Every structure is written in C-alpha cells, then in structure tokens.
C-alpha cells in the first residue's frame, strides 16, 4: 500500500508541474486571445488531446481496463463540467488584471477551498497539520489580494483568481467522486463539455476568433496544462482523496510563480515576498500531512 501511495504522490506532483505552465503562458497569449475564448481553447485542447491519446492506445492495444461512467455519476459529471466552465474564465479574467506571478501563487487557495468542501460536504478528515496549512495559505492569499497594503484596497484581478479557486475546489470534490472511473473518459468529457460551453459564452458575449497559430498554441497548452495534468490528478485522487491530493498539487503555484518572474521579469514587492514565505510554510505543512499506510 505504501508503494501505491508513493505512486499517487508522484502523479499529484507531476500534475502540479504540468499545470504550473498555465498562468505564465496563458498571460502571454491573452494579448491575442480574449479571456473566455482562451478558457475554451484550453479545455478543448485537453479534450482533443486525450481523445487522440485514447484512440492511439486502443489502436496499439495498450488501453487499460477501466470502469466507464454511469447514470449514477451524472450529477457529479454535470457539476464538474459547469464548474470547469466558470473557473478558467474567472482565472483568465483575473490574469488580465494582475501579474502572472501573483495569480500563480494565489492558485494555492485551491487547497483551502478543496479541503473545506471535502470536510463540509464529503466528510473527509482534516488533520491538525492540514488545518494549520489552510490557515497559513488563507493569510497569504489575503496579503496577495490587497493591491495597496497601506490603503487596504482589494485587487479585482486577485478576487477573480480566488473565485476560480473556489470553483475548482468544488470541482475537485466532484471529480473525487468519479476518480474510480476511467480517467481518460473523464478528461475527454470535461474537455469537450467545458470547452464547448465556454466557446458558446465567448461568441454570445461578442468575442472574436484569433488567428489559427494562436488557436493551435492555446490548444497545445490546454492538452499539457489541463489534459495531462487532470489525467494524472485523477489517478492521484484514487489513493489520496481530494484534500490531500490538492495539498501535493500545491507545488504548481510556486513553479508557475517562478516561471512568471523569469518570463515577465517582474520584480516582486515586499508584500509578495512576505506572502510567498507564509505560503511556503503552509504548503510544507499540507504536503507533509502524508496519508497513513493501511
């Protein structure tokens, strides 16, 4: 069982690293692609990429025997798709108003949202270490959410990123209820459902299609940062649960923040450095809260 848990932890960390490239590279493309359209292409890229992966695996005889989704899981499947329409739209809007490094670090609030929802609705156990982690991440998120600490004015961009985290917190718990089913099928449904839904919203709100090269880049980013990341995340949830998987997944914001600082040459503020230190402490307590072997 210990080796199984180590494998799950590896999948959670791999999912985190793959997702980490989302904020900085999405920020680069948001000058060319409208926010809702960008969210649509990211999920469509995940759906298309994983669908092709499934076809290749079946053709080469490498497909694994997995349980298919049934009508029993329909409420969680619908919830997953709807929340995955809202979350990336909020994140893309937030990225247009705040720095990529700030948005990356704020993504750690997903730990708080996922854990509290897992406790309140799905009765998952939260240890003292995880409670401490939740408190530290919350304090750090509050610091990052203020545009000017001297006047205590909220950053609207940060609020949108936090809204995305809350949506993903609910979505993580919906996905947890599906984690025993075929991960590839889940990501394909998630990708096409959320992608098409976001695309409809983009057209209704008057957003226009970008050039083909940017569409291709967004689809490719979606396949890696959303498709493969979610695929490994679901495998991790099978043995770790929603709260603990999100704790290991907390590595993503730090990788994303580091990439953002390098790509955009952003000089971090004093409040950002303070928030980073607090966030690191919170992430340490969250990730060191390892599940007990049976």
C-alpha atoms as a PDB file:
ATOM      1  CA  UNK A   1       0.000   0.000   0.000  1.00  0.00           C
ATOM      2  CA  UNK A   2       2.909   2.363   0.741  1.00  0.00           C
ATOM      3  CA  UNK A   3       4.281   1.999  -2.800  1.00  0.00           C
ATOM      4  CA  UNK A   4       0.789   2.657  -4.132  1.00  0.00           C
ATOM      5  CA  UNK A   5       0.611   5.877  -2.131  1.00  0.00           C
ATOM      6  CA  UNK A   6       4.076   6.942  -3.307  1.00  0.00           C
ATOM      7  CA  UNK A   7       2.922   6.424  -6.893  1.00  0.00           C
ATOM      8  CA  UNK A   8      -0.160   8.544  -6.171  1.00  0.00           C
ATOM      9  CA  UNK A   9       2.015  11.291  -4.669  1.00  0.00           C
ATOM     10  CA  UNK A  10       4.236  11.217  -7.777  1.00  0.00           C
ATOM     11  CA  UNK A  11       1.159  11.581 -10.019  1.00  0.00           C
ATOM     12  CA  UNK A  12      -0.082  14.521  -7.905  1.00  0.00           C
ATOM     13  CA  UNK A  13       3.284  16.296  -8.176  1.00  0.00           C
ATOM     14  CA  UNK A  14       3.523  15.562 -11.920  1.00  0.00           C
ATOM     15  CA  UNK A  15       0.039  17.015 -12.375  1.00  0.00           C
ATOM     16  CA  UNK A  16       1.165  20.104 -10.454  1.00  0.00           C
ATOM     17  CA  UNK A  17       4.256  20.692 -12.613  1.00  0.00           C
ATOM     18  CA  UNK A  18       2.266  20.283 -15.843  1.00  0.00           C
ATOM     19  CA  UNK A  19      -0.402  22.730 -14.642  1.00  0.00           C
ATOM     20  CA  UNK A  20       2.225  25.246 -13.494  1.00  0.00           C
ATOM     21  CA  UNK A  21       2.916  26.429 -17.034  1.00  0.00           C
ATOM     22  CA  UNK A  22      -0.713  27.542 -17.424  1.00  0.00           C
ATOM     23  CA  UNK A  23      -0.645  31.018 -15.823  1.00  0.00           C
ATOM     24  CA  UNK A  24       2.552  32.441 -17.395  1.00  0.00           C
ATOM     25  CA  UNK A  25       1.891  31.108 -20.910  1.00  0.00           C
ATOM     26  CA  UNK A  26      -1.810  31.991 -20.813  1.00  0.00           C
ATOM     27  CA  UNK A  27      -0.824  35.517 -19.731  1.00  0.00           C
ATOM     28  CA  UNK A  28       1.429  35.753 -22.805  1.00  0.00           C
ATOM     29  CA  UNK A  29      -1.427  34.777 -25.149  1.00  0.00           C
ATOM     30  CA  UNK A  30      -4.156  36.878 -23.540  1.00  0.00           C
ATOM     31  CA  UNK A  31      -2.933  39.863 -25.586  1.00  0.00           C
ATOM     32  CA  UNK A  32      -4.015  37.938 -28.702  1.00  0.00           C
ATOM     33  CA  UNK A  33      -6.912  35.797 -27.422  1.00  0.00           C
ATOM     34  CA  UNK A  34      -9.936  37.118 -25.432  1.00  0.00           C
ATOM     35  CA  UNK A  35     -10.291  35.685 -21.908  1.00  0.00           C
ATOM     36  CA  UNK A  36     -13.359  33.455 -22.371  1.00  0.00           C
ATOM     37  CA  UNK A  37     -12.132  32.245 -25.765  1.00  0.00           C
ATOM     38  CA  UNK A  38      -8.785  31.384 -24.154  1.00  0.00           C
ATOM     39  CA  UNK A  39     -10.528  29.329 -21.448  1.00  0.00           C
ATOM     40  CA  UNK A  40     -12.490  27.495 -24.156  1.00  0.00           C
ATOM     41  CA  UNK A  41      -9.400  26.556 -26.182  1.00  0.00           C
ATOM     42  CA  UNK A  42      -7.546  25.355 -23.076  1.00  0.00           C
ATOM     43  CA  UNK A  43     -10.256  22.814 -22.265  1.00  0.00           C
ATOM     44  CA  UNK A  44     -10.861  21.900 -25.909  1.00  0.00           C
ATOM     45  CA  UNK A  45      -7.124  21.195 -26.172  1.00  0.00           C
ATOM     46  CA  UNK A  46      -7.434  18.868 -23.176  1.00  0.00           C
ATOM     47  CA  UNK A  47     -10.425  17.046 -24.696  1.00  0.00           C
ATOM     48  CA  UNK A  48      -8.945  16.717 -28.189  1.00  0.00           C
ATOM     49  CA  UNK A  49      -5.509  15.674 -26.911  1.00  0.00           C
ATOM     50  CA  UNK A  50      -6.813  12.986 -24.552  1.00  0.00           C
ATOM     51  CA  UNK A  51      -9.294  11.706 -27.178  1.00  0.00           C
ATOM     52  CA  UNK A  52      -6.394  11.223 -29.635  1.00  0.00           C
ATOM     53  CA  UNK A  53      -4.381   9.578 -26.855  1.00  0.00           C
ATOM     54  CA  UNK A  54      -7.232   7.143 -26.243  1.00  0.00           C
ATOM     55  CA  UNK A  55      -7.525   6.271 -29.951  1.00  0.00           C
ATOM     56  CA  UNK A  56      -3.770   5.625 -30.183  1.00  0.00           C
ATOM     57  CA  UNK A  57      -3.803   3.439 -27.053  1.00  0.00           C
ATOM     58  CA  UNK A  58      -6.693   1.349 -28.345  1.00  0.00           C
ATOM     59  CA  UNK A  59      -5.045   1.002 -31.764  1.00  0.00           C
ATOM     60  CA  UNK A  60      -1.796  -0.205 -30.187  1.00  0.00           C
ATOM     61  CA  UNK A  61      -3.553  -2.485 -27.704  1.00  0.00           C
ATOM     62  CA  UNK A  62      -2.343  -0.504 -24.693  1.00  0.00           C
ATOM     63  CA  UNK A  63      -5.734   0.604 -23.393  1.00  0.00           C
ATOM     64  CA  UNK A  64      -6.300  -0.292 -19.749  1.00  0.00           C
ATOM     65  CA  UNK A  65      -9.498  -1.825 -18.403  1.00  0.00           C
ATOM     66  CA  UNK A  66     -11.267   0.992 -16.581  1.00  0.00           C
ATOM     67  CA  UNK A  67     -14.806   1.378 -15.305  1.00  0.00           C
ATOM     68  CA  UNK A  68     -16.965   3.630 -17.530  1.00  0.00           C
ATOM     69  CA  UNK A  69     -19.112   6.467 -16.174  1.00  0.00           C
ATOM     70  CA  UNK A  70     -22.768   5.582 -15.483  1.00  0.00           C
ATOM     71  CA  UNK A  71     -26.029   7.458 -14.847  1.00  0.00           C
ATOM     72  CA  UNK A  72     -25.279   7.267 -11.127  1.00  0.00           C
ATOM     73  CA  UNK A  73     -22.345   9.676 -11.599  1.00  0.00           C
ATOM     74  CA  UNK A  74     -24.327  12.070 -13.830  1.00  0.00           C
ATOM     75  CA  UNK A  75     -24.855  14.805 -11.152  1.00  0.00           C
ATOM     76  CA  UNK A  76     -21.109  14.911 -10.384  1.00  0.00           C
ATOM     77  CA  UNK A  77     -20.254  14.847 -14.104  1.00  0.00           C
ATOM     78  CA  UNK A  78     -22.571  17.784 -14.850  1.00  0.00           C
ATOM     79  CA  UNK A  79     -21.253  19.668 -11.817  1.00  0.00           C
ATOM     80  CA  UNK A  80     -17.675  19.053 -12.935  1.00  0.00           C
ATOM     81  CA  UNK A  81     -18.346  20.424 -16.440  1.00  0.00           C
ATOM     82  CA  UNK A  82     -20.274  23.517 -15.248  1.00  0.00           C
ATOM     83  CA  UNK A  83     -17.614  24.413 -12.663  1.00  0.00           C
ATOM     84  CA  UNK A  84     -14.886  23.883 -15.259  1.00  0.00           C
ATOM     85  CA  UNK A  85     -16.631  26.420 -17.495  1.00  0.00           C
ATOM     86  CA  UNK A  86     -16.683  29.053 -14.747  1.00  0.00           C
ATOM     87  CA  UNK A  87     -13.239  28.501 -13.153  1.00  0.00           C
ATOM     88  CA  UNK A  88     -10.908  29.076 -16.146  1.00  0.00           C
ATOM     89  CA  UNK A  89     -12.977  32.077 -17.298  1.00  0.00           C
ATOM     90  CA  UNK A  90     -12.521  33.661 -13.853  1.00  0.00           C
ATOM     91  CA  UNK A  91      -8.791  32.821 -13.965  1.00  0.00           C
ATOM     92  CA  UNK A  92      -8.276  34.304 -17.447  1.00  0.00           C
ATOM     93  CA  UNK A  93     -10.139  37.497 -16.444  1.00  0.00           C
ATOM     94  CA  UNK A  94      -8.010  37.676 -13.304  1.00  0.00           C
ATOM     95  CA  UNK A  95      -4.818  37.259 -15.343  1.00  0.00           C
ATOM     96  CA  UNK A  96      -5.730  40.320 -17.429  1.00  0.00           C
ATOM     97  CA  UNK A  97      -5.846  42.407 -14.222  1.00  0.00           C
ATOM     98  CA  UNK A  98      -2.967  41.065 -12.111  1.00  0.00           C
ATOM     99  CA  UNK A  99       0.543  39.703 -12.612  1.00  0.00           C
ATOM    100  CA  UNK A 100       1.071  36.091 -13.635  1.00  0.00           C
ATOM    101  CA  UNK A 101       3.270  35.504 -10.556  1.00  0.00           C
ATOM    102  CA  UNK A 102       0.555  36.827  -8.233  1.00  0.00           C
ATOM    103  CA  UNK A 103      -2.105  34.698  -9.950  1.00  0.00           C
ATOM    104  CA  UNK A 104       0.123  31.609  -9.804  1.00  0.00           C
ATOM    105  CA  UNK A 105       0.706  31.958  -6.075  1.00  0.00           C
ATOM    106  CA  UNK A 106      -2.972  32.689  -5.374  1.00  0.00           C
ATOM    107  CA  UNK A 107      -3.845  29.376  -7.033  1.00  0.00           C
ATOM    108  CA  UNK A 108      -2.788  27.752  -3.762  1.00  0.00           C
ATOM    109  CA  UNK A 109      -6.084  28.957  -2.265  1.00  0.00           C
ATOM    110  CA  UNK A 110      -7.494  25.936  -4.097  1.00  0.00           C
ATOM    111  CA  UNK A 111      -6.104  23.844  -1.202  1.00  0.00           C
ATOM    112  CA  UNK A 112      -8.299  25.774   1.236  1.00  0.00           C
ATOM    113  CA  UNK A 113     -11.425  25.560  -0.928  1.00  0.00           C
ATOM    114  CA  UNK A 114     -10.959  21.863  -1.720  1.00  0.00           C
ATOM    115  CA  UNK A 115     -10.239  20.869   1.889  1.00  0.00           C
ATOM    116  CA  UNK A 116     -13.103  22.829   3.462  1.00  0.00           C
ATOM    117  CA  UNK A 117     -15.590  21.484   0.888  1.00  0.00           C
ATOM    118  CA  UNK A 118     -14.209  17.943   1.342  1.00  0.00           C
ATOM    119  CA  UNK A 119     -14.800  18.290   5.094  1.00  0.00           C
ATOM    120  CA  UNK A 120     -18.191  20.026   4.987  1.00  0.00           C
ATOM    121  CA  UNK A 121     -19.868  18.032   2.218  1.00  0.00           C
ATOM    122  CA  UNK A 122     -17.946  14.796   1.766  1.00  0.00           C
ATOM    123  CA  UNK A 123     -16.843  14.322   5.420  1.00  0.00           C
ATOM    124  CA  UNK A 124     -13.146  13.821   4.632  1.00  0.00           C
ATOM    125  CA  UNK A 125     -10.877  14.013   7.682  1.00  0.00           C
ATOM    126  CA  UNK A 126      -8.664  17.080   8.053  1.00  0.00           C
ATOM    127  CA  UNK A 127      -5.663  16.723  10.376  1.00  0.00           C
ATOM    128  CA  UNK A 128      -4.209  19.437  12.634  1.00  0.00           C
ATOM    129  CA  UNK A 129      -1.310  19.920  10.195  1.00  0.00           C
ATOM    130  CA  UNK A 130      -3.711  20.432   7.307  1.00  0.00           C
ATOM    131  CA  UNK A 131      -5.762  22.925   9.361  1.00  0.00           C
ATOM    132  CA  UNK A 132      -2.538  24.852  10.052  1.00  0.00           C
ATOM    133  CA  UNK A 133      -1.713  24.746   6.334  1.00  0.00           C
ATOM    134  CA  UNK A 134      -5.196  26.047   5.484  1.00  0.00           C
ATOM    135  CA  UNK A 135      -4.771  28.955   7.932  1.00  0.00           C
ATOM    136  CA  UNK A 136      -1.345  29.923   6.537  1.00  0.00           C
ATOM    137  CA  UNK A 137      -2.466  29.700   2.896  1.00  0.00           C
ATOM    138  CA  UNK A 138      -5.531  31.821   3.712  1.00  0.00           C
ATOM    139  CA  UNK A 139      -3.392  34.534   5.376  1.00  0.00           C
ATOM    140  CA  UNK A 140      -1.029  34.524   2.386  1.00  0.00           C
ATOM    141  CA  UNK A 141      -3.956  34.762  -0.046  1.00  0.00           C
ATOM    142  CA  UNK A 142      -5.357  37.762   1.860  1.00  0.00           C
ATOM    143  CA  UNK A 143      -1.996  39.549   1.613  1.00  0.00           C
ATOM    144  CA  UNK A 144      -1.790  38.833  -2.124  1.00  0.00           C
ATOM    145  CA  UNK A 145      -5.356  40.074  -2.638  1.00  0.00           C
ATOM    146  CA  UNK A 146      -4.621  43.614  -1.492  1.00  0.00           C
ATOM    147  CA  UNK A 147      -3.469  45.943  -4.252  1.00  0.00           C
ATOM    148  CA  UNK A 148      -2.121  48.524  -1.812  1.00  0.00           C
ATOM    149  CA  UNK A 149      -1.497  47.358   1.745  1.00  0.00           C
ATOM    150  CA  UNK A 150      -1.282  50.936   3.021  1.00  0.00           C
ATOM    151  CA  UNK A 151      -4.795  51.804   1.849  1.00  0.00           C
ATOM    152  CA  UNK A 152      -6.119  48.209   2.109  1.00  0.00           C
ATOM    153  CA  UNK A 153      -7.709  48.260  -1.344  1.00  0.00           C
ATOM    154  CA  UNK A 154      -8.604  44.924  -2.905  1.00  0.00           C
ATOM    155  CA  UNK A 155      -7.145  43.839  -6.238  1.00  0.00           C
ATOM    156  CA  UNK A 156     -10.037  42.951  -8.546  1.00  0.00           C
ATOM    157  CA  UNK A 157      -7.770  40.605 -10.504  1.00  0.00           C
ATOM    158  CA  UNK A 158      -6.957  38.671  -7.318  1.00  0.00           C
ATOM    159  CA  UNK A 159     -10.643  38.350  -6.463  1.00  0.00           C
ATOM    160  CA  UNK A 160     -11.308  36.705  -9.852  1.00  0.00           C
ATOM    161  CA  UNK A 161      -8.410  34.274  -9.283  1.00  0.00           C
ATOM    162  CA  UNK A 162      -9.825  33.391  -5.853  1.00  0.00           C
ATOM    163  CA  UNK A 163     -13.267  32.831  -7.407  1.00  0.00           C
ATOM    164  CA  UNK A 164     -11.609  30.418  -9.838  1.00  0.00           C
ATOM    165  CA  UNK A 165     -10.028  28.584  -6.884  1.00  0.00           C
ATOM    166  CA  UNK A 166     -13.402  28.216  -5.137  1.00  0.00           C
ATOM    167  CA  UNK A 167     -14.929  26.811  -8.343  1.00  0.00           C
ATOM    168  CA  UNK A 168     -12.032  24.381  -8.698  1.00  0.00           C
ATOM    169  CA  UNK A 169     -12.409  23.449  -5.019  1.00  0.00           C
ATOM    170  CA  UNK A 170     -15.978  22.290  -5.687  1.00  0.00           C
ATOM    171  CA  UNK A 171     -14.889  20.726  -8.992  1.00  0.00           C
ATOM    172  CA  UNK A 172     -12.062  18.765  -7.310  1.00  0.00           C
ATOM    173  CA  UNK A 173     -14.590  17.204  -4.967  1.00  0.00           C
ATOM    174  CA  UNK A 174     -16.940  16.350  -7.845  1.00  0.00           C
ATOM    175  CA  UNK A 175     -14.022  14.743  -9.673  1.00  0.00           C
ATOM    176  CA  UNK A 176     -13.104  12.843  -6.485  1.00  0.00           C
ATOM    177  CA  UNK A 177     -16.498  11.106  -6.711  1.00  0.00           C
ATOM    178  CA  UNK A 178     -15.583   9.991 -10.243  1.00  0.00           C
ATOM    179  CA  UNK A 179     -11.963   9.008  -9.586  1.00  0.00           C
ATOM    180  CA  UNK A 180     -12.649   5.247  -9.612  1.00  0.00           C
ATOM    181  CA  UNK A 181     -13.851   5.564 -13.212  1.00  0.00           C
ATOM    182  CA  UNK A 182     -11.846   5.847 -16.446  1.00  0.00           C
ATOM    183  CA  UNK A 183      -9.632   8.985 -16.085  1.00  0.00           C
ATOM    184  CA  UNK A 184      -9.286   9.338 -19.850  1.00  0.00           C
ATOM    185  CA  UNK A 185     -13.057   9.336 -20.330  1.00  0.00           C
ATOM    186  CA  UNK A 186     -13.463  11.899 -17.531  1.00  0.00           C
ATOM    187  CA  UNK A 187     -10.930  14.308 -19.064  1.00  0.00           C
ATOM    188  CA  UNK A 188     -12.433  13.971 -22.563  1.00  0.00           C
ATOM    189  CA  UNK A 189     -15.925  14.756 -21.219  1.00  0.00           C
ATOM    190  CA  UNK A 190     -14.518  17.570 -19.089  1.00  0.00           C
ATOM    191  CA  UNK A 191     -12.518  18.979 -22.014  1.00  0.00           C
ATOM    192  CA  UNK A 192     -15.231  18.954 -24.664  1.00  0.00           C
ATOM    193  CA  UNK A 193     -18.078  19.848 -22.271  1.00  0.00           C
ATOM    194  CA  UNK A 194     -16.326  22.789 -20.626  1.00  0.00           C
ATOM    195  CA  UNK A 195     -14.578  23.867 -23.832  1.00  0.00           C
ATOM    196  CA  UNK A 196     -17.743  23.994 -25.944  1.00  0.00           C
ATOM    197  CA  UNK A 197     -19.658  25.668 -23.097  1.00  0.00           C
ATOM    198  CA  UNK A 198     -17.013  28.398 -22.766  1.00  0.00           C
ATOM    199  CA  UNK A 199     -16.863  28.821 -26.553  1.00  0.00           C
ATOM    200  CA  UNK A 200     -20.631  29.430 -26.697  1.00  0.00           C
ATOM    201  CA  UNK A 201     -20.322  32.053 -23.942  1.00  0.00           C
ATOM    202  CA  UNK A 202     -17.420  33.686 -25.817  1.00  0.00           C
ATOM    203  CA  UNK A 203     -19.430  34.024 -29.036  1.00  0.00           C
ATOM    204  CA  UNK A 204     -22.562  35.235 -27.182  1.00  0.00           C
ATOM    205  CA  UNK A 205     -20.533  37.958 -25.446  1.00  0.00           C
ATOM    206  CA  UNK A 206     -19.088  39.102 -28.791  1.00  0.00           C
ATOM    207  CA  UNK A 207     -15.538  37.765 -28.594  1.00  0.00           C
ATOM    208  CA  UNK A 208     -13.874  37.094 -31.945  1.00  0.00           C
ATOM    209  CA  UNK A 209     -11.679  34.199 -33.064  1.00  0.00           C
ATOM    210  CA  UNK A 210      -7.903  34.821 -33.023  1.00  0.00           C
ATOM    211  CA  UNK A 211      -5.547  33.704 -35.787  1.00  0.00           C
ATOM    212  CA  UNK A 212      -5.014  29.960 -36.319  1.00  0.00           C
ATOM    213  CA  UNK A 213      -1.480  29.966 -34.919  1.00  0.00           C
ATOM    214  CA  UNK A 214      -2.709  31.286 -31.557  1.00  0.00           C
ATOM    215  CA  UNK A 215      -5.610  28.823 -31.543  1.00  0.00           C
ATOM    216  CA  UNK A 216      -3.118  25.972 -32.069  1.00  0.00           C
ATOM    217  CA  UNK A 217      -0.837  27.280 -29.279  1.00  0.00           C
ATOM    218  CA  UNK A 218      -3.786  27.549 -26.859  1.00  0.00           C
ATOM    219  CA  UNK A 219      -4.965  24.016 -27.728  1.00  0.00           C
ATOM    220  CA  UNK A 220      -1.445  22.639 -27.184  1.00  0.00           C
ATOM    221  CA  UNK A 221      -1.156  24.444 -23.840  1.00  0.00           C
ATOM    222  CA  UNK A 222      -4.566  23.064 -22.856  1.00  0.00           C
ATOM    223  CA  UNK A 223      -3.529  19.497 -23.703  1.00  0.00           C
ATOM    224  CA  UNK A 224      -0.430  19.718 -21.479  1.00  0.00           C
ATOM    225  CA  UNK A 225      -1.511  22.049 -18.653  1.00  0.00           C
ATOM    226  CA  UNK A 226      -5.126  20.846 -18.370  1.00  0.00           C
ATOM    227  CA  UNK A 227      -5.470  17.486 -20.148  1.00  0.00           C
ATOM    228  CA  UNK A 228      -2.392  15.596 -18.938  1.00  0.00           C
ATOM    229  CA  UNK A 229      -2.438  17.412 -15.589  1.00  0.00           C
ATOM    230  CA  UNK A 230      -6.065  16.438 -14.846  1.00  0.00           C
ATOM    231  CA  UNK A 231      -5.412  12.882 -16.081  1.00  0.00           C
ATOM    232  CA  UNK A 232      -2.638  12.335 -13.514  1.00  0.00           C
ATOM    233  CA  UNK A 233      -4.549  14.288 -10.848  1.00  0.00           C
ATOM    234  CA  UNK A 234      -7.483  11.839 -11.060  1.00  0.00           C
ATOM    235  CA  UNK A 235      -5.153   8.864 -10.648  1.00  0.00           C
ATOM    236  CA  UNK A 236      -3.669  10.530  -7.541  1.00  0.00           C
ATOM    237  CA  UNK A 237      -7.114  11.166  -6.029  1.00  0.00           C
ATOM    238  CA  UNK A 238      -7.907   7.444  -6.037  1.00  0.00           C
ATOM    239  CA  UNK A 239      -5.474   6.782  -3.203  1.00  0.00           C
ATOM    240  CA  UNK A 240      -5.025  10.203  -1.571  1.00  0.00           C
ATOM    241  CA  UNK A 241      -8.520  11.744  -1.551  1.00  0.00           C
ATOM    242  CA  UNK A 242      -9.438  15.277  -2.660  1.00  0.00           C
ATOM    243  CA  UNK A 243      -7.919  17.235   0.263  1.00  0.00           C
ATOM    244  CA  UNK A 244      -4.505  15.508   0.313  1.00  0.00           C
ATOM    245  CA  UNK A 245      -4.159  15.473  -3.487  1.00  0.00           C
ATOM    246  CA  UNK A 246      -4.734  19.234  -3.569  1.00  0.00           C
ATOM    247  CA  UNK A 247      -2.041  19.597  -0.888  1.00  0.00           C
ATOM    248  CA  UNK A 248       0.607  17.925  -3.059  1.00  0.00           C
ATOM    249  CA  UNK A 249      -0.743  19.773  -6.075  1.00  0.00           C
ATOM    250  CA  UNK A 250       0.208  22.965  -4.211  1.00  0.00           C
ATOM    251  CA  UNK A 251       3.660  22.737  -5.787  1.00  0.00           C
ATOM    252  CA  UNK A 252       2.126  24.123  -9.011  1.00  0.00           C
ATOM    253  CA  UNK A 253       1.750  27.772  -7.918  1.00  0.00           C
ATOM    254  CA  UNK A 254       5.399  28.018  -6.867  1.00  0.00           C
ATOM    255  CA  UNK A 255       6.654  26.598 -10.162  1.00  0.00           C
ATOM    256  CA  UNK A 256       4.231  28.892 -12.021  1.00  0.00           C
ATOM    257  CA  UNK A 257       5.275  31.933  -9.985  1.00  0.00           C
ATOM    258  CA  UNK A 258       8.956  31.214 -10.647  1.00  0.00           C
ATOM    259  CA  UNK A 259       8.329  30.880 -14.392  1.00  0.00           C
ATOM    260  CA  UNK A 260       6.303  34.104 -14.374  1.00  0.00           C
ATOM    261  CA  UNK A 261       9.048  36.073 -12.649  1.00  0.00           C
ATOM    262  CA  UNK A 262      11.565  34.783 -15.216  1.00  0.00           C
ATOM    263  CA  UNK A 263       9.374  35.299 -18.312  1.00  0.00           C
ATOM    264  CA  UNK A 264       7.971  38.727 -17.426  1.00  0.00           C
ATOM    265  CA  UNK A 265      10.985  39.944 -15.425  1.00  0.00           C
ATOM    266  CA  UNK A 266       8.599  41.090 -12.696  1.00  0.00           C
ATOM    267  CA  UNK A 267      10.241  42.424  -9.550  1.00  0.00           C
ATOM    268  CA  UNK A 268       8.321  41.033  -6.556  1.00  0.00           C
ATOM    269  CA  UNK A 269       7.025  43.523  -3.967  1.00  0.00           C
ATOM    270  CA  UNK A 270       7.723  43.244  -0.233  1.00  0.00           C
ATOM    271  CA  UNK A 271       4.147  42.053   0.387  1.00  0.00           C
ATOM    272  CA  UNK A 272       4.582  39.389  -2.318  1.00  0.00           C
ATOM    273  CA  UNK A 273       7.773  38.084  -0.646  1.00  0.00           C
ATOM    274  CA  UNK A 274       6.045  38.005   2.771  1.00  0.00           C
ATOM    275  CA  UNK A 275       3.082  36.148   1.237  1.00  0.00           C
ATOM    276  CA  UNK A 276       5.474  33.745  -0.516  1.00  0.00           C
ATOM    277  CA  UNK A 277       7.207  32.827   2.772  1.00  0.00           C
ATOM    278  CA  UNK A 278       3.858  32.254   4.525  1.00  0.00           C
ATOM    279  CA  UNK A 279       2.576  30.261   1.529  1.00  0.00           C
ATOM    280  CA  UNK A 280       5.716  28.087   1.553  1.00  0.00           C
ATOM    281  CA  UNK A 281       5.164  27.313   5.242  1.00  0.00           C
ATOM    282  CA  UNK A 282       1.522  26.449   4.572  1.00  0.00           C
ATOM    283  CA  UNK A 283       2.451  24.227   1.646  1.00  0.00           C
ATOM    284  CA  UNK A 284       5.070  22.439   3.764  1.00  0.00           C
ATOM    285  CA  UNK A 285       2.507  21.536   6.430  1.00  0.00           C
ATOM    286  CA  UNK A 286      -0.010  20.485   3.754  1.00  0.00           C
ATOM    287  CA  UNK A 287       2.388  18.284   1.788  1.00  0.00           C
ATOM    288  CA  UNK A 288       3.939  16.719   4.899  1.00  0.00           C
ATOM    289  CA  UNK A 289       0.496  15.564   6.028  1.00  0.00           C
ATOM    290  CA  UNK A 290       1.011  12.148   4.423  1.00  0.00           C
ATOM    291  CA  UNK A 291      -1.706   9.504   4.437  1.00  0.00           C
ATOM    292  CA  UNK A 292      -1.248   6.549   6.781  1.00  0.00           C
ATOM    293  CA  UNK A 293      -0.491   3.189   5.258  1.00  0.00           C
ATOM    294  CA  UNK A 294      -3.151   0.545   5.705  1.00  0.00           C
END
